[in-house]
Amino acid sequence: IKGKGVPHLHGNRRGDLLVTVDVRVPGSLDDRQQELLQELAQSFADSNRGSRKGGSSDEDEDEKGLFDKIKEALG
C-alpha cells in the first residue's frame, strides 16, 4: 500500500506497506455452513444497497479486484 509503510530514516517520506493475504477455500460445506454463508452474502448485499457513490452500477463494482477493495478499505 503506497505511502503507508515504515518512515524513511533520513526524510519525512514513508515507504510502501506490503501485505500478504492467505486465502483458504474449503473443499465442501455442510448444510449449516452453507446456510451461514448465504446469510453472510445477504448481509453484504443489504449493506451495499444505496451506499454507492455517483450511482455506480453493479458491473463497475464487479470490475474492482480484491486488492483494489482492500486498498479502498484501508484508505
PDB file of N, CA and C in Angstrom:
ATOM      1  N   ILE A   1       0.872  -1.148   0.000  1.00  0.00           N
ATOM      2  CA  ILE A   1       0.000   0.000   0.000  1.00  0.00           C
ATOM      3  C   ILE A   1       0.922   1.214   0.000  1.00  0.00           C
ATOM      4  N   LYS A   2       0.859   1.953  -1.068  1.00  0.00           N
ATOM      5  CA  LYS A   2       1.788   3.046  -1.304  1.00  0.00           C
ATOM      6  C   LYS A   2       1.708   4.104  -0.207  1.00  0.00           C
ATOM      7  N   GLY A   3       2.881   4.429   0.366  1.00  0.00           N
ATOM      8  CA  GLY A   3       2.986   5.505   1.341  1.00  0.00           C
ATOM      9  C   GLY A   3       2.508   5.174   2.743  1.00  0.00           C
ATOM     10  N   LYS A   4       2.194   3.931   3.026  1.00  0.00           N
ATOM     11  CA  LYS A   4       1.670   3.558   4.346  1.00  0.00           C
ATOM     12  C   LYS A   4       2.651   2.700   5.145  1.00  0.00           C
ATOM     13  N   GLY A   5       3.881   2.593   4.675  1.00  0.00           N
ATOM     14  CA  GLY A   5       4.858   1.739   5.342  1.00  0.00           C
ATOM     15  C   GLY A   5       5.706   2.486   6.353  1.00  0.00           C
ATOM     16  N   VAL A   6       6.883   1.966   6.603  1.00  0.00           N
ATOM     17  CA  VAL A   6       7.822   2.499   7.591  1.00  0.00           C
ATOM     18  C   VAL A   6       8.403   3.817   7.074  1.00  0.00           C
ATOM     19  N   PRO A   7       8.578   4.813   7.967  1.00  0.00           N
ATOM     20  CA  PRO A   7       9.185   6.086   7.538  1.00  0.00           C
ATOM     21  C   PRO A   7      10.642   5.877   7.122  1.00  0.00           C
ATOM     22  N   HIS A   8      11.079   6.657   6.120  1.00  0.00           N
ATOM     23  CA  HIS A   8      12.483   6.620   5.707  1.00  0.00           C
ATOM     24  C   HIS A   8      13.341   7.165   6.837  1.00  0.00           C
ATOM     25  N   LEU A   9      14.541   6.648   6.975  1.00  0.00           N
ATOM     26  CA  LEU A   9      15.427   7.006   8.072  1.00  0.00           C
ATOM     27  C   LEU A   9      15.800   8.485   8.055  1.00  0.00           C
ATOM     28  N   HIS A  10      16.192   9.018   6.915  1.00  0.00           N
ATOM     29  CA  HIS A  10      16.616  10.422   6.827  1.00  0.00           C
ATOM     30  C   HIS A  10      15.670  11.181   5.909  1.00  0.00           C
ATOM     31  N   GLY A  11      14.450  11.307   6.300  1.00  0.00           N
ATOM     32  CA  GLY A  11      13.480  12.021   5.478  1.00  0.00           C
ATOM     33  C   GLY A  11      12.110  11.961   6.107  1.00  0.00           C
ATOM     34  N   ASN A  12      11.191  12.642   5.481  1.00  0.00           N
ATOM     35  CA  ASN A  12       9.834  12.679   6.024  1.00  0.00           C
ATOM     36  C   ASN A  12       8.860  11.839   5.200  1.00  0.00           C
ATOM     37  N   ARG A  13       9.398  11.046   4.287  1.00  0.00           N
ATOM     38  CA  ARG A  13       8.532  10.184   3.477  1.00  0.00           C
ATOM     39  C   ARG A  13       8.384   8.815   4.126  1.00  0.00           C
ATOM     40  N   ARG A  14       7.358   8.117   3.682  1.00  0.00           N
ATOM     41  CA  ARG A  14       7.130   6.757   4.164  1.00  0.00           C
ATOM     42  C   ARG A  14       7.274   5.792   2.991  1.00  0.00           C
ATOM     43  N   GLY A  15       7.703   4.591   3.312  1.00  0.00           N
ATOM     44  CA  GLY A  15       7.804   3.541   2.300  1.00  0.00           C
ATOM     45  C   GLY A  15       6.446   2.922   2.026  1.00  0.00           C
ATOM     46  N   ASP A  16       6.459   1.903   1.228  1.00  0.00           N
ATOM     47  CA  ASP A  16       5.222   1.199   0.897  1.00  0.00           C
ATOM     48  C   ASP A  16       5.028   0.031   1.858  1.00  0.00           C
ATOM     49  N   LEU A  17       3.786  -0.238   2.203  1.00  0.00           N
ATOM     50  CA  LEU A  17       3.440  -1.352   3.075  1.00  0.00           C
ATOM     51  C   LEU A  17       3.098  -2.552   2.193  1.00  0.00           C
ATOM     52  N   LEU A  18       3.778  -3.653   2.417  1.00  0.00           N
ATOM     53  CA  LEU A  18       3.499  -4.875   1.667  1.00  0.00           C
ATOM     54  C   LEU A  18       2.571  -5.760   2.485  1.00  0.00           C
ATOM     55  N   VAL A  19       1.549  -6.281   1.841  1.00  0.00           N
ATOM     56  CA  VAL A  19       0.539  -7.091   2.518  1.00  0.00           C
ATOM     57  C   VAL A  19       0.513  -8.474   1.885  1.00  0.00           C
ATOM     58  N   THR A  20       0.513  -9.491   2.718  1.00  0.00           N
ATOM     59  CA  THR A  20       0.362 -10.864   2.249  1.00  0.00           C
ATOM     60  C   THR A  20      -1.002 -11.368   2.703  1.00  0.00           C
ATOM     61  N   VAL A  21      -1.768 -11.859   1.757  1.00  0.00           N
ATOM     62  CA  VAL A  21      -3.108 -12.365   2.055  1.00  0.00           C
ATOM     63  C   VAL A  21      -3.109 -13.871   1.817  1.00  0.00           C
ATOM     64  N   ASP A  22      -3.496 -14.621   2.828  1.00  0.00           N
ATOM     65  CA  ASP A  22      -3.574 -16.075   2.728  1.00  0.00           C
ATOM     66  C   ASP A  22      -5.047 -16.460   2.693  1.00  0.00           C
ATOM     67  N   VAL A  23      -5.516 -16.852   1.519  1.00  0.00           N
ATOM     68  CA  VAL A  23      -6.921 -17.211   1.343  1.00  0.00           C
ATOM     69  C   VAL A  23      -7.026 -18.726   1.287  1.00  0.00           C
ATOM     70  N   ARG A  24      -7.878 -19.269   2.124  1.00  0.00           N
ATOM     71  CA  ARG A  24      -8.115 -20.719   2.123  1.00  0.00           C
ATOM     72  C   ARG A  24      -9.576 -20.971   1.781  1.00  0.00           C
ATOM     73  N   VAL A  25      -9.774 -21.783   0.782  1.00  0.00           N
ATOM     74  CA  VAL A  25     -11.121 -22.085   0.313  1.00  0.00           C
ATOM     75  C   VAL A  25     -11.454 -23.511   0.737  1.00  0.00           C
ATOM     76  N   PRO A  26     -12.567 -23.699   1.465  1.00  0.00           N
ATOM     77  CA  PRO A  26     -12.926 -25.050   1.898  1.00  0.00           C
ATOM     78  C   PRO A  26     -13.339 -25.917   0.707  1.00  0.00           C
ATOM     79  N   GLY A  27     -13.046 -27.195   0.822  1.00  0.00           N
ATOM     80  CA  GLY A  27     -13.408 -28.124  -0.237  1.00  0.00           C
ATOM     81  C   GLY A  27     -14.906 -28.360  -0.320  1.00  0.00           C
ATOM     82  N   SER A  28     -15.560 -28.420   0.841  1.00  0.00           N
ATOM     83  CA  SER A  28     -17.009 -28.624   0.859  1.00  0.00           C
ATOM     84  C   SER A  28     -17.575 -28.025   2.143  1.00  0.00           C
ATOM     85  N   LEU A  29     -18.853 -27.711   2.105  1.00  0.00           N
ATOM     86  CA  LEU A  29     -19.546 -27.136   3.256  1.00  0.00           C
ATOM     87  C   LEU A  29     -20.702 -28.040   3.650  1.00  0.00           C
ATOM     88  N   ASP A  30     -20.937 -28.168   4.953  1.00  0.00           N
ATOM     89  CA  ASP A  30     -22.126 -28.903   5.378  1.00  0.00           C
ATOM     90  C   ASP A  30     -23.329 -27.958   5.282  1.00  0.00           C
ATOM     91  N   ASP A  31     -24.516 -28.457   5.577  1.00  0.00           N
ATOM     92  CA  ASP A  31     -25.738 -27.662   5.416  1.00  0.00           C
ATOM     93  C   ASP A  31     -25.713 -26.389   6.254  1.00  0.00           C
ATOM     94  N   ARG A  32     -25.267 -26.482   7.494  1.00  0.00           N
ATOM     95  CA  ARG A  32     -25.231 -25.314   8.390  1.00  0.00           C
ATOM     96  C   ARG A  32     -24.241 -24.264   7.886  1.00  0.00           C
ATOM     97  N   GLN A  33     -23.080 -24.702   7.434  1.00  0.00           N
ATOM     98  CA  GLN A  33     -22.083 -23.772   6.908  1.00  0.00           C
ATOM     99  C   GLN A  33     -22.605 -23.075   5.652  1.00  0.00           C
ATOM    100  N   GLN A  34     -23.285 -23.816   4.800  1.00  0.00           N
ATOM    101  CA  GLN A  34     -23.864 -23.238   3.586  1.00  0.00           C
ATOM    102  C   GLN A  34     -24.906 -22.183   3.949  1.00  0.00           C
ATOM    103  N   GLU A  35     -25.736 -22.486   4.934  1.00  0.00           N
ATOM    104  CA  GLU A  35     -26.758 -21.544   5.390  1.00  0.00           C
ATOM    105  C   GLU A  35     -26.107 -20.262   5.929  1.00  0.00           C
ATOM    106  N   LEU A  36     -25.074 -20.410   6.739  1.00  0.00           N
ATOM    107  CA  LEU A  36     -24.377 -19.250   7.296  1.00  0.00           C
ATOM    108  C   LEU A  36     -23.714 -18.414   6.200  1.00  0.00           C
ATOM    109  N   LEU A  37     -23.154 -19.073   5.210  1.00  0.00           N
ATOM    110  CA  LEU A  37     -22.525 -18.368   4.104  1.00  0.00           C
ATOM    111  C   LEU A  37     -23.554 -17.564   3.314  1.00  0.00           C
ATOM    112  N   GLN A  38     -24.724 -18.134   3.112  1.00  0.00           N
ATOM    113  CA  GLN A  38     -25.785 -17.419   2.406  1.00  0.00           C
ATOM    114  C   GLN A  38     -26.263 -16.217   3.218  1.00  0.00           C
ATOM    115  N   GLU A  39     -26.357 -16.359   4.542  1.00  0.00           N
ATOM    116  CA  GLU A  39     -26.740 -15.232   5.397  1.00  0.00           C
ATOM    117  C   GLU A  39     -25.700 -14.121   5.326  1.00  0.00           C
ATOM    118  N   LEU A  40     -24.442 -14.500   5.326  1.00  0.00           N
ATOM    119  CA  LEU A  40     -23.367 -13.515   5.224  1.00  0.00           C
ATOM    120  C   LEU A  40     -23.440 -12.773   3.892  1.00  0.00           C
ATOM    121  N   ALA A  41     -23.622 -13.505   2.810  1.00  0.00           N
ATOM    122  CA  ALA A  41     -23.730 -12.884   1.489  1.00  0.00           C
ATOM    123  C   ALA A  41     -24.911 -11.920   1.442  1.00  0.00           C
ATOM    124  N   GLN A  42     -26.024 -12.304   2.035  1.00  0.00           N
ATOM    125  CA  GLN A  42     -27.204 -11.441   2.055  1.00  0.00           C
ATOM    126  C   GLN A  42     -26.937 -10.180   2.867  1.00  0.00           C
ATOM    127  N   SER A  43     -26.216 -10.308   3.982  1.00  0.00           N
ATOM    128  CA  SER A  43     -25.929  -9.129   4.803  1.00  0.00           C
ATOM    129  C   SER A  43     -25.049  -8.139   4.042  1.00  0.00           C
ATOM    130  N   PHE A  44     -24.113  -8.638   3.216  1.00  0.00           N
ATOM    131  CA  PHE A  44     -23.299  -7.742   2.396  1.00  0.00           C
ATOM    132  C   PHE A  44     -24.160  -7.062   1.345  1.00  0.00           C
ATOM    133  N   ALA A  45     -25.061  -7.812   0.733  1.00  0.00           N
ATOM    134  CA  ALA A  45     -25.939  -7.234  -0.283  1.00  0.00           C
ATOM    135  C   ALA A  45     -26.817  -6.155   0.329  1.00  0.00           C
ATOM    136  N   ASP A  46     -27.340  -6.408   1.534  1.00  0.00           N
ATOM    137  CA  ASP A  46     -28.191  -5.428   2.202  1.00  0.00           C
ATOM    138  C   ASP A  46     -27.417  -4.170   2.573  1.00  0.00           C
ATOM    139  N   SER A  47     -26.180  -4.312   3.053  1.00  0.00           N
ATOM    140  CA  SER A  47     -25.406  -3.150   3.483  1.00  0.00           C
ATOM    141  C   SER A  47     -24.904  -2.336   2.302  1.00  0.00           C
ATOM    142  N   ASN A  48     -24.782  -2.936   1.121  1.00  0.00           N
ATOM    143  CA  ASN A  48     -24.313  -2.203  -0.054  1.00  0.00           C
ATOM    144  C   ASN A  48     -25.427  -1.451  -0.761  1.00  0.00           C
ATOM    145  N   ARG A  49     -26.653  -1.784  -0.488  1.00  0.00           N
ATOM    146  CA  ARG A  49     -27.771  -1.117  -1.143  1.00  0.00           C
ATOM    147  C   ARG A  49     -27.812   0.349  -0.753  1.00  0.00           C
ATOM    148  N   GLY A  50     -27.831   1.214  -1.770  1.00  0.00           N
ATOM    149  CA  GLY A  50     -27.971   2.641  -1.519  1.00  0.00           C
ATOM    150  C   GLY A  50     -26.705   3.329  -1.041  1.00  0.00           C
ATOM    151  N   SER A  51     -25.611   2.608  -0.887  1.00  0.00           N
ATOM    152  CA  SER A  51     -24.395   3.238  -0.376  1.00  0.00           C
ATOM    153  C   SER A  51     -23.403   3.573  -1.482  1.00  0.00           C
ATOM    154  N   ARG A  52     -23.769   3.365  -2.707  1.00  0.00           N
ATOM    155  CA  ARG A  52     -22.843   3.609  -3.811  1.00  0.00           C
ATOM    156  C   ARG A  52     -22.779   5.085  -4.132  1.00  0.00           C
ATOM    157  N   LYS A  53     -21.574   5.552  -4.399  1.00  0.00           N
ATOM    158  CA  LYS A  53     -21.362   6.954  -4.735  1.00  0.00           C
ATOM    159  C   LYS A  53     -21.568   7.143  -6.226  1.00  0.00           C
ATOM    160  N   GLY A  54     -22.230   8.227  -6.599  1.00  0.00           N
ATOM    161  CA  GLY A  54     -22.369   8.561  -8.001  1.00  0.00           C
ATOM    162  C   GLY A  54     -23.210   7.595  -8.798  1.00  0.00           C
ATOM    163  N   GLY A  55     -23.977   6.757  -8.137  1.00  0.00           N
ATOM    164  CA  GLY A  55     -24.857   5.835  -8.836  1.00  0.00           C
ATOM    165  C   GLY A  55     -24.118   4.804  -9.668  1.00  0.00           C
ATOM    166  N   SER A  56     -22.982   4.331  -9.204  1.00  0.00           N
ATOM    167  CA  SER A  56     -22.235   3.335  -9.970  1.00  0.00           C
ATOM    168  C   SER A  56     -23.042   2.046 -10.072  1.00  0.00           C
ATOM    169  N   SER A  57     -22.817   1.333 -11.151  1.00  0.00           N
ATOM    170  CA  SER A  57     -23.595   0.120 -11.389  1.00  0.00           C
ATOM    171  C   SER A  57     -22.919  -1.094 -10.776  1.00  0.00           C
ATOM    172  N   ASP A  58     -23.642  -2.200 -10.770  1.00  0.00           N
ATOM    173  CA  ASP A  58     -23.094  -3.452 -10.253  1.00  0.00           C
ATOM    174  C   ASP A  58     -21.881  -3.890 -11.055  1.00  0.00           C
ATOM    175  N   GLU A  59     -21.902  -3.623 -12.385  1.00  0.00           N
ATOM    176  CA  GLU A  59     -20.775  -4.036 -13.214  1.00  0.00           C
ATOM    177  C   GLU A  59     -19.505  -3.301 -12.805  1.00  0.00           C
ATOM    178  N   ASP A  60     -19.599  -2.009 -12.469  1.00  0.00           N
ATOM    179  CA  ASP A  60     -18.431  -1.241 -12.030  1.00  0.00           C
ATOM    180  C   ASP A  60     -17.850  -1.847 -10.766  1.00  0.00           C
ATOM    181  N   GLU A  61     -18.694  -2.225  -9.835  1.00  0.00           N
ATOM    182  CA  GLU A  61     -18.241  -2.801  -8.566  1.00  0.00           C
ATOM    183  C   GLU A  61     -17.577  -4.155  -8.805  1.00  0.00           C
ATOM    184  N   ASP A  62     -18.120  -4.949  -9.735  1.00  0.00           N
ATOM    185  CA  ASP A  62     -17.565  -6.268 -10.018  1.00  0.00           C
ATOM    186  C   ASP A  62     -16.205  -6.181 -10.698  1.00  0.00           C
ATOM    187  N   GLU A  63     -15.930  -5.068 -11.401  1.00  0.00           N
ATOM    188  CA  GLU A  63     -14.658  -4.919 -12.094  1.00  0.00           C
ATOM    189  C   GLU A  63     -13.506  -4.644 -11.139  1.00  0.00           C
ATOM    190  N   LYS A  64     -13.788  -4.183  -9.929  1.00  0.00           N
ATOM    191  CA  LYS A  64     -12.738  -3.943  -8.949  1.00  0.00           C
ATOM    192  C   LYS A  64     -12.201  -5.276  -8.460  1.00  0.00           C
ATOM    193  N   GLY A  65     -10.882  -5.372  -8.370  1.00  0.00           N
ATOM    194  CA  GLY A  65     -10.257  -6.586  -7.877  1.00  0.00           C
ATOM    195  C   GLY A  65     -10.209  -6.591  -6.358  1.00  0.00           C
ATOM    196  N   LEU A  66      -9.814  -7.707  -5.811  1.00  0.00           N
ATOM    197  CA  LEU A  66      -9.707  -7.866  -4.366  1.00  0.00           C
ATOM    198  C   LEU A  66      -8.772  -6.823  -3.773  1.00  0.00           C
ATOM    199  N   PHE A  67      -7.623  -6.616  -4.409  1.00  0.00           N
ATOM    200  CA  PHE A  67      -6.637  -5.694  -3.860  1.00  0.00           C
ATOM    201  C   PHE A  67      -7.125  -4.250  -3.933  1.00  0.00           C
ATOM    202  N   ASP A  68      -7.881  -3.904  -4.986  1.00  0.00           N
ATOM    203  CA  ASP A  68      -8.463  -2.563  -5.060  1.00  0.00           C
ATOM    204  C   ASP A  68      -9.431  -2.333  -3.909  1.00  0.00           C
ATOM    205  N   LYS A  69     -10.218  -3.348  -3.587  1.00  0.00           N
ATOM    206  CA  LYS A  69     -11.172  -3.229  -2.487  1.00  0.00           C
ATOM    207  C   LYS A  69     -10.456  -3.109  -1.150  1.00  0.00           C
ATOM    208  N   ILE A  70      -9.351  -3.846  -0.973  1.00  0.00           N
ATOM    209  CA  ILE A  70      -8.574  -3.760   0.268  1.00  0.00           C
ATOM    210  C   ILE A  70      -7.949  -2.379   0.393  1.00  0.00           C
ATOM    211  N   LYS A  71      -7.365  -1.868  -0.692  1.00  0.00           N
ATOM    212  CA  LYS A  71      -6.771  -0.530  -0.673  1.00  0.00           C
ATOM    213  C   LYS A  71      -7.816   0.517  -0.303  1.00  0.00           C
ATOM    214  N   GLU A  72      -9.015   0.393  -0.886  1.00  0.00           N
ATOM    215  CA  GLU A  72     -10.093   1.332  -0.586  1.00  0.00           C
ATOM    216  C   GLU A  72     -10.465   1.283   0.894  1.00  0.00           C
ATOM    217  N   ALA A  73     -10.549   0.090   1.443  1.00  0.00           N
ATOM    218  CA  ALA A  73     -10.943  -0.073   2.842  1.00  0.00           C
ATOM    219  C   ALA A  73      -9.896   0.498   3.794  1.00  0.00           C
ATOM    220  N   LEU A  74      -8.624   0.378   3.427  1.00  0.00           N
ATOM    221  CA  LEU A  74      -7.557   0.868   4.299  1.00  0.00           C
ATOM    222  C   LEU A  74      -7.274   2.351   4.112  1.00  0.00           C
ATOM    223  N   GLY A  75      -7.846   2.947   3.071  1.00  0.00           N
ATOM    224  CA  GLY A  75      -7.663   4.381   2.846  1.00  0.00           C
ATOM    225  C   GLY A  75      -6.399   4.647   2.160  1.00  0.00           C
TER     226      GLY A  75
END
